[in-house]
N, C-alpha and C. Protein backbone atom coordinates (compact mmCIF):
# COMPACT_ATOMS: atom_id res chain seq x y z
N MET A 1 44.32 -8.31 -23.95
CA MET A 1 44.69 -8.82 -25.18
C MET A 1 45.44 -7.80 -25.97
N CYS A 2 46.75 -7.99 -26.33
CA CYS A 2 47.43 -6.90 -27.04
C CYS A 2 47.07 -6.54 -28.49
N VAL A 3 47.20 -5.41 -28.82
CA VAL A 3 46.64 -4.97 -30.29
C VAL A 3 47.33 -5.85 -31.25
N THR A 4 48.87 -6.20 -31.12
CA THR A 4 49.38 -6.96 -32.17
C THR A 4 48.76 -8.24 -32.27
N PHE A 5 48.40 -9.03 -31.24
CA PHE A 5 47.65 -10.12 -31.24
C PHE A 5 46.36 -10.03 -31.96
N ARG A 6 45.65 -9.10 -31.56
CA ARG A 6 44.43 -8.93 -32.24
C ARG A 6 44.40 -8.67 -33.88
N LYS A 7 45.39 -7.96 -34.16
CA LYS A 7 45.79 -7.77 -35.61
C LYS A 7 45.87 -9.08 -36.28
N LYS A 8 46.67 -10.01 -35.58
CA LYS A 8 47.02 -11.34 -36.12
C LYS A 8 45.73 -12.10 -36.25
N VAL A 9 45.01 -12.08 -35.18
CA VAL A 9 43.60 -12.84 -35.33
C VAL A 9 42.90 -12.39 -36.37
N HIS A 10 42.62 -11.05 -36.61
CA HIS A 10 41.91 -10.44 -37.70
C HIS A 10 42.36 -10.94 -39.03
N GLN A 11 43.58 -10.92 -39.18
CA GLN A 11 44.33 -11.30 -40.48
C GLN A 11 43.94 -12.78 -40.77
N LYS A 12 43.98 -13.68 -39.69
CA LYS A 12 43.81 -15.06 -39.69
C LYS A 12 42.16 -15.25 -40.10
N ASP A 13 41.32 -14.38 -39.60
CA ASP A 13 39.98 -14.40 -39.81
C ASP A 13 39.65 -14.10 -41.28
N ARG A 14 40.34 -13.25 -41.89
CA ARG A 14 40.02 -12.85 -43.31
C ARG A 14 40.57 -14.00 -44.29
N MET A 15 41.75 -14.56 -43.82
CA MET A 15 42.21 -15.82 -44.59
C MET A 15 40.98 -16.99 -44.46
N ALA A 16 40.64 -17.11 -43.29
CA ALA A 16 39.65 -18.29 -43.11
C ALA A 16 38.33 -17.91 -43.91
N ARG A 17 37.83 -16.55 -43.95
CA ARG A 17 36.71 -16.09 -44.70
C ARG A 17 36.88 -16.47 -46.14
N LYS A 18 38.10 -16.26 -46.57
CA LYS A 18 38.26 -16.51 -48.00
C LYS A 18 38.08 -18.09 -48.41
N ASP A 19 38.81 -18.78 -47.32
CA ASP A 19 38.77 -20.34 -47.62
C ASP A 19 37.33 -20.85 -47.41
N ASP A 20 36.59 -20.15 -46.51
CA ASP A 20 35.24 -20.69 -46.47
C ASP A 20 34.43 -20.34 -47.74
N ALA A 21 34.55 -19.21 -48.14
CA ALA A 21 33.81 -18.76 -49.45
C ALA A 21 34.20 -19.85 -50.43
N LYS A 22 35.35 -20.23 -50.56
CA LYS A 22 35.84 -21.10 -51.61
C LYS A 22 35.05 -22.49 -51.46
N ILE A 23 35.08 -22.94 -50.22
CA ILE A 23 34.54 -24.20 -49.83
C ILE A 23 32.94 -24.12 -50.13
N ILE A 24 32.34 -23.14 -49.71
CA ILE A 24 30.78 -22.85 -49.92
C ILE A 24 30.56 -23.07 -51.38
N ARG A 25 31.29 -22.30 -52.30
CA ARG A 25 31.22 -22.38 -53.63
C ARG A 25 31.37 -23.78 -54.21
N GLN A 26 32.33 -24.70 -53.65
CA GLN A 26 32.22 -26.09 -54.00
C GLN A 26 31.20 -26.81 -53.72
N VAL A 27 30.60 -26.62 -52.44
CA VAL A 27 29.60 -27.31 -51.96
C VAL A 27 28.36 -27.05 -52.87
N LEU A 28 27.99 -25.83 -53.04
CA LEU A 28 27.03 -25.41 -53.88
C LEU A 28 27.09 -25.77 -55.28
N GLY A 29 28.35 -26.02 -55.71
CA GLY A 29 28.63 -26.54 -57.12
C GLY A 29 28.43 -27.98 -57.29
N GLY A 30 28.14 -28.68 -56.05
CA GLY A 30 27.93 -30.13 -56.36
C GLY A 30 29.05 -31.14 -55.64
N GLU A 31 30.02 -30.43 -55.16
CA GLU A 31 31.16 -31.09 -54.35
C GLU A 31 30.70 -31.15 -52.87
N THR A 32 29.77 -31.85 -52.61
CA THR A 32 29.08 -31.84 -51.34
C THR A 32 30.03 -32.42 -50.25
N GLN A 33 30.90 -33.15 -50.63
CA GLN A 33 32.08 -33.79 -49.55
C GLN A 33 32.93 -32.59 -49.05
N ALA A 34 32.95 -31.46 -49.68
CA ALA A 34 33.84 -30.44 -49.29
C ALA A 34 33.26 -29.82 -48.01
N PHE A 35 31.92 -29.94 -47.71
CA PHE A 35 31.39 -29.49 -46.41
C PHE A 35 32.14 -30.09 -45.04
N ALA A 36 32.62 -31.27 -45.23
CA ALA A 36 33.24 -31.77 -44.21
C ALA A 36 34.46 -30.94 -43.68
N GLU A 37 35.03 -30.25 -44.55
CA GLU A 37 36.03 -29.23 -44.27
C GLU A 37 35.54 -28.39 -43.18
N LEU A 38 34.40 -27.75 -43.57
CA LEU A 38 33.71 -26.65 -42.53
C LEU A 38 33.33 -27.25 -41.25
N LEU A 39 32.91 -28.66 -41.20
CA LEU A 39 32.63 -29.35 -40.05
C LEU A 39 33.91 -29.54 -39.25
N GLU A 40 34.96 -29.86 -39.75
CA GLU A 40 36.27 -29.99 -39.22
C GLU A 40 36.81 -28.78 -38.55
N ARG A 41 36.47 -27.68 -39.28
CA ARG A 41 37.04 -26.36 -38.91
C ARG A 41 36.41 -25.83 -37.80
N TYR A 42 34.92 -26.12 -37.76
CA TYR A 42 34.15 -25.17 -36.82
C TYR A 42 33.39 -26.23 -35.80
N GLY A 43 33.52 -27.49 -35.99
CA GLY A 43 32.82 -28.40 -35.18
C GLY A 43 32.96 -28.17 -33.59
N ALA A 44 34.28 -27.98 -33.19
CA ALA A 44 34.59 -28.02 -31.75
C ALA A 44 34.12 -26.73 -31.30
N LYS A 45 34.35 -25.63 -32.12
CA LYS A 45 33.94 -24.26 -31.75
C LYS A 45 32.47 -24.20 -31.41
N VAL A 46 31.62 -24.64 -32.27
CA VAL A 46 30.15 -24.77 -32.23
C VAL A 46 29.85 -25.50 -31.06
N TYR A 47 30.48 -26.66 -30.95
CA TYR A 47 30.15 -27.54 -29.81
C TYR A 47 30.55 -26.78 -28.41
N GLY A 48 31.44 -26.09 -28.38
CA GLY A 48 31.94 -25.33 -27.14
C GLY A 48 30.92 -24.33 -26.77
N LEU A 49 30.38 -23.63 -27.83
CA LEU A 49 29.16 -22.67 -27.37
C LEU A 49 27.87 -23.38 -27.00
N VAL A 50 27.52 -24.47 -27.53
CA VAL A 50 26.29 -25.02 -27.32
C VAL A 50 26.36 -25.75 -25.96
N VAL A 51 27.55 -26.30 -25.60
CA VAL A 51 27.67 -27.19 -24.19
C VAL A 51 27.52 -26.15 -23.14
N ARG A 52 27.89 -25.00 -23.43
CA ARG A 52 27.92 -24.01 -22.28
C ARG A 52 26.27 -23.67 -22.14
N LEU A 53 25.58 -23.65 -23.24
CA LEU A 53 24.18 -23.22 -23.08
C LEU A 53 23.34 -24.44 -22.57
N VAL A 54 23.54 -25.72 -22.96
CA VAL A 54 22.76 -26.71 -22.45
C VAL A 54 23.19 -27.60 -21.38
N GLY A 55 24.49 -27.38 -21.31
CA GLY A 55 24.92 -28.15 -19.98
C GLY A 55 25.42 -29.47 -20.00
N THR A 56 25.06 -30.33 -20.86
CA THR A 56 25.24 -31.72 -21.03
C THR A 56 25.99 -32.18 -22.46
N ASP A 57 27.01 -33.05 -22.43
CA ASP A 57 27.75 -33.36 -23.43
C ASP A 57 26.79 -33.99 -24.63
N ALA A 58 25.92 -35.03 -24.15
CA ALA A 58 24.98 -35.68 -25.15
C ALA A 58 24.18 -34.84 -25.87
N GLU A 59 23.48 -33.81 -25.14
CA GLU A 59 22.59 -32.83 -25.76
C GLU A 59 23.44 -31.90 -26.77
N ALA A 60 24.56 -31.54 -26.23
CA ALA A 60 25.51 -30.64 -27.00
C ALA A 60 25.81 -31.20 -28.41
N GLU A 61 26.18 -32.64 -28.32
CA GLU A 61 26.59 -33.24 -29.48
C GLU A 61 25.49 -33.36 -30.43
N GLU A 62 24.30 -33.67 -29.97
CA GLU A 62 23.04 -33.75 -30.96
C GLU A 62 22.73 -32.24 -31.51
N LEU A 63 22.79 -31.34 -30.66
CA LEU A 63 22.35 -30.02 -31.13
C LEU A 63 23.71 -29.53 -32.19
N THR A 64 24.86 -29.77 -31.87
CA THR A 64 25.96 -29.48 -32.76
C THR A 64 25.56 -30.18 -34.14
N GLN A 65 25.33 -31.49 -34.18
CA GLN A 65 24.94 -32.16 -35.52
C GLN A 65 23.72 -31.38 -36.10
N ASP A 66 22.66 -31.12 -35.30
CA ASP A 66 21.51 -30.41 -35.90
C ASP A 66 21.96 -29.03 -36.49
N THR A 67 22.80 -28.45 -35.89
CA THR A 67 23.43 -26.93 -36.34
C THR A 67 23.84 -27.21 -37.79
N PHE A 68 24.86 -28.17 -37.84
CA PHE A 68 25.65 -28.36 -39.20
C PHE A 68 24.60 -29.00 -40.27
N VAL A 69 23.63 -29.65 -39.78
CA VAL A 69 22.44 -30.11 -40.84
C VAL A 69 21.71 -28.90 -41.28
N GLN A 70 21.47 -28.05 -40.36
CA GLN A 70 20.61 -26.97 -40.99
C GLN A 70 21.52 -26.00 -41.72
N ALA A 71 22.80 -25.96 -41.38
CA ALA A 71 23.69 -25.06 -42.14
C ALA A 71 23.83 -25.59 -43.57
N TYR A 72 24.03 -26.77 -43.66
CA TYR A 72 24.02 -27.48 -45.00
C TYR A 72 22.87 -27.24 -45.82
N THR A 73 21.84 -27.43 -45.08
CA THR A 73 20.31 -27.33 -45.80
C THR A 73 20.16 -25.95 -46.44
N HIS A 74 20.55 -24.97 -45.63
CA HIS A 74 20.26 -23.56 -46.08
C HIS A 74 21.54 -22.86 -46.46
N LEU A 75 22.73 -23.53 -46.82
CA LEU A 75 23.82 -22.95 -47.34
C LEU A 75 23.74 -21.93 -48.44
N ALA A 76 22.72 -22.33 -49.35
CA ALA A 76 22.45 -21.38 -50.41
C ALA A 76 21.87 -20.05 -49.94
N ASP A 77 21.30 -20.00 -48.76
CA ASP A 77 20.75 -18.74 -48.20
C ASP A 77 21.87 -17.90 -47.60
N PHE A 78 23.08 -18.41 -47.45
CA PHE A 78 24.04 -17.64 -46.88
C PHE A 78 24.54 -16.43 -47.83
N ARG A 79 24.52 -15.39 -47.29
CA ARG A 79 24.89 -14.02 -48.12
C ARG A 79 25.96 -13.26 -47.80
N ALA A 80 26.66 -13.85 -46.84
CA ALA A 80 27.79 -13.03 -46.35
C ALA A 80 27.64 -11.73 -45.59
N GLU A 81 26.54 -11.50 -45.14
CA GLU A 81 26.32 -10.32 -44.34
C GLU A 81 27.26 -10.26 -43.13
N ALA A 82 27.50 -11.69 -42.69
CA ALA A 82 28.55 -11.76 -41.67
C ALA A 82 29.50 -12.99 -42.26
N ASP A 83 30.56 -13.23 -41.56
CA ASP A 83 31.33 -14.42 -41.99
C ASP A 83 30.47 -15.70 -41.72
N PHE A 84 31.13 -16.69 -42.31
CA PHE A 84 30.49 -18.00 -42.15
C PHE A 84 30.47 -18.44 -40.70
N ALA A 85 31.50 -18.15 -39.98
CA ALA A 85 31.44 -18.79 -38.49
C ALA A 85 30.46 -18.04 -37.68
N THR A 86 30.14 -16.65 -38.00
CA THR A 86 29.24 -15.96 -37.22
C THR A 86 27.87 -16.36 -37.73
N TRP A 87 27.66 -16.66 -38.91
CA TRP A 87 26.23 -17.13 -39.39
C TRP A 87 26.02 -18.44 -38.75
N LEU A 88 27.19 -19.31 -38.74
CA LEU A 88 27.10 -20.74 -38.02
C LEU A 88 26.72 -20.48 -36.45
N TYR A 89 27.36 -19.60 -35.93
CA TYR A 89 27.14 -19.50 -34.47
C TYR A 89 25.53 -18.96 -34.11
N ARG A 90 25.02 -18.16 -35.02
CA ARG A 90 23.56 -17.77 -35.04
C ARG A 90 22.67 -19.11 -35.19
N ILE A 91 22.96 -19.93 -36.02
CA ILE A 91 22.30 -21.23 -36.15
C ILE A 91 22.29 -21.92 -34.82
N ALA A 92 23.65 -22.13 -34.38
CA ALA A 92 23.80 -22.94 -33.18
C ALA A 92 23.11 -22.30 -31.98
N TYR A 93 23.18 -20.97 -31.81
CA TYR A 93 22.49 -20.20 -30.67
C TYR A 93 20.89 -20.42 -30.70
N ASN A 94 20.31 -20.30 -31.99
CA ASN A 94 18.85 -20.39 -32.12
C ASN A 94 18.51 -21.96 -31.73
N THR A 95 19.33 -22.91 -32.24
CA THR A 95 19.09 -24.27 -32.14
C THR A 95 19.01 -24.62 -30.66
N ALA A 96 19.97 -24.16 -29.95
CA ALA A 96 20.25 -24.36 -28.41
C ALA A 96 19.03 -23.79 -27.77
N LEU A 97 18.72 -22.53 -28.29
CA LEU A 97 17.65 -21.84 -27.33
C LEU A 97 16.39 -22.53 -27.65
N MET A 98 16.09 -22.91 -28.80
CA MET A 98 14.69 -23.78 -28.95
C MET A 98 14.64 -24.97 -28.25
N HIS A 99 15.88 -25.78 -28.01
CA HIS A 99 15.99 -26.75 -27.35
C HIS A 99 15.61 -26.46 -25.72
N LEU A 100 16.20 -25.39 -25.33
CA LEU A 100 16.13 -25.00 -23.90
C LEU A 100 14.61 -24.59 -23.56
N ARG A 101 13.95 -23.94 -24.59
CA ARG A 101 12.51 -23.60 -24.38
C ARG A 101 11.64 -24.95 -24.26
N SER A 102 12.11 -25.85 -25.15
CA SER A 102 11.43 -27.18 -25.12
C SER A 102 11.54 -27.88 -23.79
N ARG A 103 12.64 -27.73 -23.27
CA ARG A 103 12.97 -28.26 -21.83
C ARG A 103 12.33 -27.47 -20.79
N ARG A 104 11.87 -26.35 -21.26
CA ARG A 104 11.26 -25.24 -20.14
C ARG A 104 12.27 -24.91 -19.08
N VAL A 105 13.42 -24.70 -19.58
CA VAL A 105 14.51 -24.30 -18.59
C VAL A 105 14.23 -22.89 -18.23
N VAL A 106 14.10 -22.59 -16.94
CA VAL A 106 13.74 -21.11 -16.42
C VAL A 106 14.89 -20.65 -15.80
N THR A 107 15.56 -19.39 -16.18
CA THR A 107 16.53 -18.72 -15.52
C THR A 107 15.93 -17.72 -14.60
N LEU A 108 16.36 -17.87 -13.35
CA LEU A 108 15.69 -16.88 -12.39
C LEU A 108 16.15 -15.51 -12.51
N PRO A 109 15.24 -14.49 -12.55
CA PRO A 109 15.66 -13.23 -12.73
C PRO A 109 16.48 -12.53 -11.63
N MET A 110 17.34 -11.52 -12.01
CA MET A 110 18.01 -11.20 -10.97
C MET A 110 17.67 -9.64 -10.73
N ASP A 111 17.54 -9.24 -9.32
CA ASP A 111 17.15 -7.93 -8.97
C ASP A 111 18.07 -6.98 -9.65
N GLU A 112 17.67 -6.20 -10.64
CA GLU A 112 18.29 -5.19 -11.25
C GLU A 112 18.92 -4.16 -10.38
N ARG A 113 18.18 -3.79 -9.14
CA ARG A 113 18.81 -2.86 -8.25
C ARG A 113 20.00 -3.38 -7.62
N LEU A 114 20.05 -4.74 -7.35
CA LEU A 114 21.41 -5.05 -6.94
C LEU A 114 22.41 -5.09 -8.01
N VAL A 115 22.05 -5.32 -9.21
CA VAL A 115 23.11 -5.38 -10.32
C VAL A 115 23.66 -3.75 -10.33
N ASP A 116 22.78 -2.82 -10.24
CA ASP A 116 23.07 -1.47 -10.17
C ASP A 116 24.08 -0.85 -9.15
N SER A 117 23.89 -1.74 -8.04
CA SER A 117 24.74 -1.46 -6.78
C SER A 117 26.09 -1.82 -7.04
N VAL A 118 26.51 -2.82 -7.92
CA VAL A 118 27.72 -3.30 -8.09
C VAL A 118 28.62 -2.30 -9.01
N THR A 119 29.75 -1.83 -8.42
CA THR A 119 30.73 -1.01 -9.19
C THR A 119 31.48 -1.65 -10.11
N ASP A 120 32.01 -1.09 -11.20
CA ASP A 120 33.08 -1.62 -11.86
C ASP A 120 34.12 -2.17 -11.20
N GLU A 121 34.62 -1.43 -10.24
CA GLU A 121 35.77 -1.82 -9.50
C GLU A 121 35.53 -3.23 -8.68
N MET A 122 34.36 -3.37 -8.17
CA MET A 122 33.86 -4.64 -7.37
C MET A 122 34.00 -5.67 -8.51
N ALA A 123 33.34 -5.59 -9.61
CA ALA A 123 33.23 -6.56 -10.54
C ALA A 123 34.71 -7.03 -11.06
N ASP A 124 35.58 -5.90 -11.19
CA ASP A 124 36.89 -6.36 -11.69
C ASP A 124 37.60 -7.00 -10.64
N SER A 125 37.46 -6.75 -9.52
CA SER A 125 38.26 -7.41 -8.38
C SER A 125 37.72 -8.94 -8.25
N ALA A 126 36.69 -9.06 -8.44
CA ALA A 126 36.20 -10.51 -8.14
C ALA A 126 36.36 -11.41 -9.55
N LEU A 127 36.37 -10.82 -10.64
CA LEU A 127 36.44 -11.54 -11.82
C LEU A 127 38.03 -11.59 -12.30
N SER A 128 38.95 -10.87 -11.73
CA SER A 128 40.32 -10.91 -12.15
C SER A 128 41.07 -11.76 -11.38
N GLU A 129 40.58 -12.46 -10.27
CA GLU A 129 41.36 -13.34 -9.48
C GLU A 129 41.35 -14.66 -10.18
N ALA A 130 42.32 -15.31 -10.36
CA ALA A 130 42.60 -16.39 -11.15
C ALA A 130 42.91 -17.86 -10.50
N THR A 131 42.53 -17.87 -9.26
CA THR A 131 42.76 -19.02 -8.36
C THR A 131 41.87 -20.11 -8.92
N GLU A 132 42.21 -21.37 -8.73
CA GLU A 132 41.33 -22.56 -9.11
C GLU A 132 40.05 -22.43 -8.59
N GLU A 133 39.89 -22.17 -7.24
CA GLU A 133 38.68 -21.91 -6.82
C GLU A 133 37.79 -20.92 -7.27
N ARG A 134 38.32 -19.67 -7.63
CA ARG A 134 37.56 -18.73 -8.17
C ARG A 134 37.11 -19.02 -9.62
N ILE A 135 37.96 -19.52 -10.43
CA ILE A 135 37.75 -20.20 -11.71
C ILE A 135 36.44 -21.12 -11.72
N ALA A 136 36.56 -22.02 -10.55
CA ALA A 136 35.38 -22.93 -10.53
C ALA A 136 34.13 -22.20 -10.32
N LEU A 137 34.16 -21.28 -9.31
CA LEU A 137 33.07 -20.51 -9.03
C LEU A 137 32.43 -19.68 -10.26
N LEU A 138 33.42 -19.26 -11.05
CA LEU A 138 33.12 -18.42 -12.35
C LEU A 138 32.31 -19.28 -13.24
N GLU A 139 32.88 -20.67 -13.45
CA GLU A 139 32.23 -21.50 -14.34
C GLU A 139 30.74 -21.81 -13.91
N GLU A 140 30.58 -22.10 -12.62
CA GLU A 140 29.18 -22.46 -12.02
C GLU A 140 28.38 -21.16 -12.23
N ALA A 141 28.93 -19.97 -12.03
CA ALA A 141 28.15 -18.65 -12.03
C ALA A 141 27.64 -18.67 -13.43
N LEU A 142 28.62 -18.90 -14.62
CA LEU A 142 28.06 -18.79 -15.84
C LEU A 142 26.87 -19.71 -16.18
N LYS A 143 26.87 -20.77 -15.59
CA LYS A 143 25.64 -21.60 -15.76
C LYS A 143 24.30 -21.15 -15.38
N ARG A 144 24.37 -20.18 -14.44
CA ARG A 144 23.14 -19.47 -13.89
C ARG A 144 22.67 -18.18 -14.70
N LEU A 145 23.51 -17.73 -15.62
CA LEU A 145 23.14 -16.85 -16.56
C LEU A 145 22.04 -17.14 -17.39
N SER A 146 21.34 -16.15 -17.83
CA SER A 146 20.41 -16.49 -19.06
C SER A 146 21.05 -16.92 -20.33
N PRO A 147 20.49 -17.57 -21.12
CA PRO A 147 21.13 -18.02 -22.47
C PRO A 147 21.71 -16.89 -23.15
N PRO A 148 21.08 -15.81 -23.44
CA PRO A 148 21.63 -14.68 -24.18
C PRO A 148 22.96 -14.09 -23.45
N ASP A 149 22.91 -13.79 -21.98
CA ASP A 149 24.12 -13.57 -21.28
C ASP A 149 25.28 -14.44 -21.51
N ARG A 150 24.96 -15.67 -21.26
CA ARG A 150 25.89 -16.87 -21.43
C ARG A 150 26.50 -16.89 -22.76
N THR A 151 25.81 -16.73 -23.98
CA THR A 151 26.18 -16.56 -25.23
C THR A 151 27.22 -15.38 -25.44
N ALA A 152 26.80 -14.14 -25.04
CA ALA A 152 27.71 -13.10 -25.17
C ALA A 152 28.92 -13.13 -24.51
N VAL A 153 29.04 -13.60 -23.23
CA VAL A 153 30.28 -13.90 -22.53
C VAL A 153 31.02 -14.83 -23.30
N THR A 154 30.57 -16.00 -23.64
CA THR A 154 31.30 -17.12 -24.17
C THR A 154 31.97 -16.51 -25.50
N LEU A 155 31.08 -15.82 -26.36
CA LEU A 155 31.65 -15.39 -27.71
C LEU A 155 32.59 -14.19 -27.52
N PHE A 156 32.49 -13.41 -26.58
CA PHE A 156 33.33 -12.09 -26.45
C PHE A 156 34.75 -12.59 -25.82
N TYR A 157 34.47 -13.41 -24.66
CA TYR A 157 35.76 -13.66 -23.87
C TYR A 157 36.50 -14.92 -24.43
N PHE A 158 35.67 -15.90 -24.87
CA PHE A 158 36.37 -17.14 -25.29
C PHE A 158 36.58 -17.26 -26.77
N GLU A 159 35.75 -16.64 -27.55
CA GLU A 159 35.96 -16.81 -29.02
C GLU A 159 36.42 -15.41 -29.63
N ASP A 160 36.68 -14.43 -28.84
CA ASP A 160 37.23 -13.14 -29.41
C ASP A 160 36.33 -12.64 -30.55
N ARG A 161 34.92 -12.80 -30.33
CA ARG A 161 34.07 -12.17 -31.29
C ARG A 161 33.67 -10.67 -31.00
N THR A 162 33.42 -9.86 -31.97
CA THR A 162 33.13 -8.62 -31.76
C THR A 162 31.76 -8.21 -31.26
N ALA A 163 31.60 -7.01 -30.73
CA ALA A 163 30.13 -6.74 -30.40
C ALA A 163 29.24 -6.86 -31.56
N ARG A 164 29.62 -6.23 -32.73
CA ARG A 164 28.69 -6.34 -33.86
C ARG A 164 28.45 -7.90 -34.21
N GLU A 165 29.47 -8.70 -34.36
CA GLU A 165 29.30 -10.26 -34.57
C GLU A 165 28.36 -10.75 -33.56
N ILE A 166 28.48 -10.39 -32.34
CA ILE A 166 27.64 -11.16 -31.24
C ILE A 166 26.08 -10.58 -31.45
N ALA A 167 25.97 -9.23 -31.85
CA ALA A 167 24.56 -8.74 -32.14
C ALA A 167 23.95 -9.57 -33.21
N PHE A 168 24.82 -9.81 -34.29
CA PHE A 168 24.02 -10.57 -35.38
C PHE A 168 23.65 -11.95 -34.83
N ILE A 169 24.51 -12.56 -34.05
CA ILE A 169 24.19 -13.84 -33.52
C ILE A 169 23.04 -13.91 -32.75
N LEU A 170 22.98 -12.85 -31.82
CA LEU A 170 21.75 -12.85 -30.93
C LEU A 170 20.67 -12.14 -31.40
N GLY A 171 20.88 -11.51 -32.65
CA GLY A 171 19.49 -10.81 -33.24
C GLY A 171 19.08 -9.47 -32.58
N THR A 172 20.15 -8.89 -32.18
CA THR A 172 19.79 -7.58 -31.51
C THR A 172 20.67 -6.45 -31.95
N SER A 173 20.96 -5.35 -31.27
CA SER A 173 21.85 -4.27 -31.61
C SER A 173 23.05 -4.21 -30.92
N VAL A 174 24.07 -3.59 -31.56
CA VAL A 174 25.39 -3.61 -31.07
C VAL A 174 25.39 -2.82 -29.61
N SER A 175 24.53 -1.84 -29.48
CA SER A 175 24.28 -1.07 -28.30
C SER A 175 23.74 -1.98 -27.20
N ASN A 176 22.94 -2.89 -27.47
CA ASN A 176 22.38 -3.72 -26.59
C ASN A 176 23.46 -4.86 -26.20
N VAL A 177 24.19 -5.14 -27.01
CA VAL A 177 25.36 -6.23 -26.78
C VAL A 177 26.37 -5.55 -25.65
N THR A 178 26.77 -4.33 -26.10
CA THR A 178 27.77 -3.53 -25.23
C THR A 178 27.26 -3.33 -23.85
N THR A 179 25.89 -3.00 -23.67
CA THR A 179 25.29 -2.95 -22.46
C THR A 179 25.18 -4.14 -21.76
N ARG A 180 24.90 -5.29 -22.50
CA ARG A 180 24.77 -6.55 -21.82
C ARG A 180 26.07 -7.11 -21.36
N LEU A 181 27.07 -6.95 -22.19
CA LEU A 181 28.48 -7.36 -21.54
C LEU A 181 29.01 -6.54 -20.36
N HIS A 182 28.57 -5.27 -20.30
CA HIS A 182 28.81 -4.37 -19.10
C HIS A 182 28.23 -5.01 -17.83
N ARG A 183 26.93 -5.08 -18.05
CA ARG A 183 26.06 -5.56 -16.83
C ARG A 183 26.31 -7.01 -16.47
N VAL A 184 26.64 -7.90 -17.43
CA VAL A 184 26.80 -9.36 -17.08
C VAL A 184 28.02 -9.53 -16.18
N ARG A 185 29.01 -8.63 -16.20
CA ARG A 185 30.21 -8.74 -15.38
C ARG A 185 29.61 -8.56 -14.07
N LYS A 186 28.61 -7.65 -13.76
CA LYS A 186 28.17 -7.31 -12.48
C LYS A 186 27.37 -8.47 -11.95
N ARG A 187 26.43 -9.06 -12.85
CA ARG A 187 25.77 -10.25 -12.57
C ARG A 187 26.68 -11.46 -11.95
N LEU A 188 27.64 -11.58 -12.75
CA LEU A 188 28.71 -12.57 -12.33
C LEU A 188 29.26 -12.34 -10.94
N TYR A 189 29.53 -11.04 -10.71
CA TYR A 189 30.01 -10.77 -9.32
C TYR A 189 29.09 -11.26 -8.29
N LEU A 190 27.59 -10.75 -8.39
CA LEU A 190 26.64 -11.19 -7.53
C LEU A 190 26.51 -12.76 -7.49
N LEU A 191 26.56 -13.50 -8.60
CA LEU A 191 26.53 -14.96 -8.65
C LEU A 191 27.65 -15.49 -7.82
N ILE A 192 28.73 -15.00 -8.12
CA ILE A 192 29.93 -15.49 -7.36
C ILE A 192 29.89 -15.37 -5.81
N LYS A 193 29.30 -14.14 -5.40
CA LYS A 193 29.22 -13.88 -4.05
C LYS A 193 28.13 -14.82 -3.42
N GLN A 194 27.08 -15.09 -4.17
CA GLN A 194 25.91 -16.02 -3.78
C GLN A 194 26.43 -17.52 -3.54
N LEU A 195 27.35 -17.89 -4.56
CA LEU A 195 27.89 -19.16 -4.53
C LEU A 195 28.74 -19.31 -3.38
N GLU A 196 29.56 -18.35 -3.04
CA GLU A 196 30.50 -18.43 -1.71
C GLU A 196 29.74 -18.53 -0.59
N HIS A 197 28.53 -17.84 -0.51
CA HIS A 197 27.75 -17.81 0.61
C HIS A 197 27.06 -19.26 0.77
N GLU A 198 26.71 -19.91 -0.28
CA GLU A 198 26.12 -21.21 -0.28
C GLU A 198 26.99 -22.19 0.22
N GLN A 199 28.41 -22.09 -0.05
CA GLN A 199 29.38 -23.12 0.19
C GLN A 199 29.80 -22.87 1.74
N GLU A 200 29.54 -21.66 2.27
CA GLU A 200 29.89 -21.38 3.75
C GLU A 200 28.83 -21.94 4.66
N ARG A 201 27.57 -22.38 4.03
CA ARG A 201 26.43 -22.91 4.93
C ARG A 201 26.79 -24.38 5.42
């Protein structure tokens, strides 16, 4: 992604942050119908994150609604330590995570020695191929990641969120997110290779 484009993205984010602050003041001031603007602005983005975590449209729709209900209920607690979208993503992530725990969804751990054996070049070569088949494998591999890994990848690569914002959403440190993003590329490489092997059987 070029620097010029990133600059435009950040300028747009600053404008959105000002608009969000204005809408939040309106809602807290009694104009509750103004909250619909936040729902319209962020509904699809929140749904996109949640559906990647829980896997089904019906559950994602319900959890997206739950996210916005919680955001509305706790809007007075928003202190702008992050922008509204990041705060909203944090609520969505925690809502989806609680749902997954209630379903007792278990992600199989990966042998970290195998992860360590993957070089950056190997990961880059596997993930840079943009064929339909490879993209389909990547989407399937994403489903096999742990929820924090899946969230980090989705927010960083699909939502252009910074490591600092992702750290706030996941409730961890920036250094942890940086390390996670580095290692998750290697995990994806291994998962893609595993899926290719399964297809060959």
